[in-house]
Amino acid sequence: MALLPLLNFPDPRLRTIAKPVEQVNDEIRQLAADMLETMYAIPGNTGLSATLVNRHIQLIVMDFSKTKDQPQVFINPKVTPLSTQTQVNEECCFCVPEIYGKVARSSRVKIEALNLEGKKIEIEADGLLAVCIQHEMDHLNGKLFVDYLSPLKRQRAREKVEKLVRQRQKEKVTVKR
């Protein structure tokens, strides 16, 4: 397994719409394993879409267990809202570091997908799992949680992230000397 490099906002590749996985094979299983390892390496993270690791296929990994030993993999996921009620949560994403914003999402959803064996699975979710599923699905559709913010807040987020990325790059150069 390997840790995969991650994309950061405002990288235009984050806007790429993911294509369906044509075949669940060893390459896809390896990518899912690498994505899980990458996800577990990010403190507090519970989900990761392939878009965030610059692979533009319909693949999501998640683990909501406290012990981080119950991974879920969703290939070619389709999400259906099961409620007209929404819940507002403060969301963040490691691809938009240090930015938080309130986002309204369906309070209950159904996700249909393939698992790593290529078998169809179906899960009904509510609460934070429903939020996470919708958040990661947005990534597969080229959308970020900052897109739900006002234009002014989105611009401030962009400027803050660009500044943070420049600082991190400067620190890396200083450390390498």
Protein backbone atom coordinates (compact mmCIF):
# COMPACT_ATOMS: atom_id res chain seq x y z
CA MET A 1 0.00 0.00 0.00
CA ALA A 2 1.06 3.61 -0.49
CA LEU A 3 0.18 7.09 0.62
CA LEU A 4 -1.17 9.02 -2.35
CA PRO A 5 -0.56 12.72 -3.10
CA LEU A 6 -3.60 14.91 -2.51
CA LEU A 7 -5.00 17.81 -4.51
CA ASN A 8 -5.75 21.17 -2.87
CA PHE A 9 -8.29 23.86 -3.72
CA PRO A 10 -8.26 25.75 -6.08
CA ASP A 11 -6.60 23.08 -8.26
CA PRO A 12 -8.80 22.83 -11.40
CA ARG A 13 -8.48 19.02 -11.40
CA LEU A 14 -10.85 19.01 -8.40
CA ARG A 15 -13.57 20.13 -10.85
CA THR A 16 -13.21 17.02 -13.02
CA ILE A 17 -16.31 14.84 -13.20
CA ALA A 18 -15.40 11.24 -12.38
CA LYS A 19 -16.04 8.49 -14.89
CA PRO A 20 -17.61 5.14 -13.96
CA VAL A 21 -15.31 2.26 -13.13
CA GLU A 22 -15.53 -0.15 -16.06
CA GLN A 23 -14.35 -3.25 -14.23
CA VAL A 24 -13.69 -4.06 -10.59
CA ASN A 25 -10.22 -5.61 -10.85
CA ASP A 26 -6.95 -5.82 -8.92
CA GLU A 27 -5.96 -2.31 -10.01
CA ILE A 28 -9.15 -0.87 -8.52
CA ARG A 29 -8.73 -2.95 -5.35
CA GLN A 30 -5.15 -1.66 -4.98
CA LEU A 31 -6.27 1.94 -5.51
CA ALA A 32 -8.97 1.48 -2.85
CA ALA A 33 -6.37 0.05 -0.43
CA ASP A 34 -4.03 2.98 -1.11
CA MET A 35 -6.89 5.44 -0.68
CA LEU A 36 -7.81 3.88 2.67
CA GLU A 37 -4.21 4.13 3.84
CA THR A 38 -4.11 7.77 2.72
CA MET A 39 -7.45 8.50 4.42
CA TYR A 40 -6.29 6.91 7.70
CA ALA A 41 -3.13 9.06 7.62
CA ILE A 42 -5.22 12.27 7.71
CA PRO A 43 -6.22 12.94 11.34
CA GLY A 44 -9.99 12.96 11.84
CA ASN A 45 -10.78 12.04 8.25
CA THR A 46 -13.60 9.58 7.58
CA GLY A 47 -13.92 9.60 3.79
CA LEU A 48 -11.96 10.03 0.59
CA SER A 49 -12.98 10.16 -3.05
CA ALA A 50 -10.70 9.19 -5.92
CA THR A 51 -10.92 12.75 -7.25
CA LEU A 52 -8.93 13.98 -4.25
CA VAL A 53 -6.00 11.74 -5.22
CA ASN A 54 -6.20 12.84 -8.86
CA ARG A 55 -7.89 9.68 -10.09
CA HIS A 56 -11.11 10.69 -11.78
CA ILE A 57 -13.13 7.53 -11.40
CA GLN A 58 -16.23 6.86 -9.31
CA LEU A 59 -14.63 5.44 -6.19
CA ILE A 60 -15.17 6.43 -2.55
CA VAL A 61 -13.69 4.94 0.62
CA MET A 62 -14.97 5.57 4.16
CA ASP A 63 -14.55 4.35 7.71
CA PHE A 64 -16.76 5.69 10.47
CA SER A 65 -15.61 3.22 13.13
CA LYS A 66 -13.79 4.55 16.19
CA THR A 67 -11.14 1.85 15.77
CA LYS A 68 -10.67 2.55 12.05
CA ASP A 69 -11.05 -1.10 11.13
CA GLN A 70 -14.37 -1.13 9.27
CA PRO A 71 -13.59 0.29 5.84
CA GLN A 72 -16.35 0.74 3.29
CA VAL A 73 -15.72 1.01 -0.44
CA PHE A 74 -18.28 2.36 -2.89
CA ILE A 75 -17.65 1.90 -6.62
CA ASN A 76 -19.90 3.71 -9.13
CA PRO A 77 -22.07 5.06 -6.31
CA LYS A 78 -25.53 6.51 -6.87
CA VAL A 79 -27.10 8.52 -4.05
CA THR A 80 -30.81 9.11 -3.60
CA PRO A 81 -32.22 11.47 -0.95
CA LEU A 82 -34.75 9.67 1.23
CA SER A 83 -36.03 12.75 3.03
CA THR A 84 -37.03 16.27 2.12
CA GLN A 85 -35.66 17.36 5.49
CA THR A 86 -32.19 18.83 5.49
CA GLN A 87 -29.61 19.16 8.20
CA VAL A 88 -27.07 21.93 8.39
CA ASN A 89 -23.57 20.96 9.46
CA GLU A 90 -20.30 22.78 9.57
CA GLU A 91 -18.15 21.03 6.99
CA CYS A 92 -14.49 21.08 6.19
CA CYS A 93 -12.23 19.19 3.83
CA PHE A 94 -8.49 18.62 3.88
CA CYS A 95 -8.35 19.78 0.24
CA VAL A 96 -9.52 23.19 1.51
CA PRO A 97 -7.36 23.39 4.65
CA GLU A 98 -8.45 25.43 7.66
CA ILE A 99 -11.75 26.49 6.06
CA TYR A 100 -15.15 25.64 7.53
CA GLY A 101 -18.62 26.39 6.26
CA LYS A 102 -22.23 25.56 6.97
CA VAL A 103 -23.81 23.29 4.35
CA ALA A 104 -27.39 22.02 4.19
CA ARG A 105 -27.72 18.43 2.99
CA SER A 106 -30.42 15.79 2.92
CA SER A 107 -30.80 14.25 6.38
CA ARG A 108 -31.25 10.73 5.01
CA VAL A 109 -29.93 9.08 1.83
CA LYS A 110 -29.62 5.74 0.11
CA ILE A 111 -26.35 4.83 -1.59
CA GLU A 112 -26.21 2.07 -4.20
CA ALA A 113 -22.80 0.95 -5.41
CA LEU A 114 -20.53 -1.98 -6.15
CA ASN A 115 -18.16 -3.37 -3.52
CA LEU A 116 -14.61 -4.64 -4.08
CA GLU A 117 -15.97 -7.98 -5.29
CA GLY A 118 -18.09 -6.22 -7.91
CA LYS A 119 -21.32 -7.07 -6.07
CA LYS A 120 -24.13 -4.57 -5.73
CA ILE A 121 -24.61 -3.10 -2.26
CA GLU A 122 -27.21 -0.73 -0.88
CA ILE A 123 -27.05 1.26 2.36
CA GLU A 124 -29.46 3.72 3.93
CA ALA A 125 -27.69 6.39 5.94
CA ASP A 126 -28.56 9.29 8.17
CA GLY A 127 -26.66 11.70 10.38
CA LEU A 128 -22.97 12.23 9.75
CA LEU A 129 -22.69 9.19 7.49
CA ALA A 130 -25.31 10.72 5.17
CA VAL A 131 -23.42 14.02 5.22
CA CYS A 132 -20.10 12.33 4.45
CA ILE A 133 -21.59 10.31 1.59
CA GLN A 134 -23.03 13.46 0.01
CA HIS A 135 -19.77 15.38 0.57
CA GLU A 136 -17.71 12.68 -1.18
CA MET A 137 -20.29 12.33 -3.98
CA ASP A 138 -19.90 16.05 -4.60
CA HIS A 139 -16.18 15.49 -5.16
CA LEU A 140 -16.96 12.87 -7.82
CA ASN A 141 -19.17 15.48 -9.50
CA GLY A 142 -16.49 18.19 -9.44
CA LYS A 143 -18.07 20.10 -6.57
CA LEU A 144 -16.57 21.26 -3.26
CA PHE A 145 -18.25 22.25 -0.02
CA VAL A 146 -17.04 25.84 -0.58
CA ASP A 147 -19.36 25.97 -3.61
CA TYR A 148 -22.24 26.14 -1.12
CA LEU A 149 -20.78 29.28 0.48
CA SER A 150 -21.45 32.85 -0.59
CA PRO A 151 -19.19 34.20 -3.35
CA LEU A 152 -17.40 36.42 -0.84
CA LYS A 153 -16.72 33.55 1.60
CA ARG A 154 -15.60 31.35 -1.29
CA GLN A 155 -13.14 34.03 -2.49
CA ARG A 156 -11.77 34.46 1.04
CA ALA A 157 -11.36 30.69 1.32
CA ARG A 158 -9.44 30.62 -1.98
CA GLU A 159 -7.11 33.40 -0.84
CA LYS A 160 -6.51 31.78 2.55
CA VAL A 161 -5.75 28.37 1.04
CA GLU A 162 -3.45 29.84 -1.61
CA LYS A 163 -1.54 31.69 1.13
CA LEU A 164 -1.31 28.52 3.24
CA VAL A 165 -0.05 26.47 0.27
CA ARG A 166 2.60 29.13 -0.49
CA GLN A 167 3.72 29.07 3.16
CA ARG A 168 3.97 25.27 3.15
CA GLN A 169 6.00 25.30 -0.08
CA LYS A 170 8.33 27.93 1.37
CA GLU A 171 8.80 25.82 4.53
CA LYS A 172 9.63 22.74 2.42
CA VAL A 173 12.27 24.69 0.46
CA THR A 174 13.77 26.04 3.70
CA VAL A 175 13.90 22.57 5.25
CA LYS A 176 15.56 21.01 2.16
CA ARG A 177 18.50 23.47 2.15
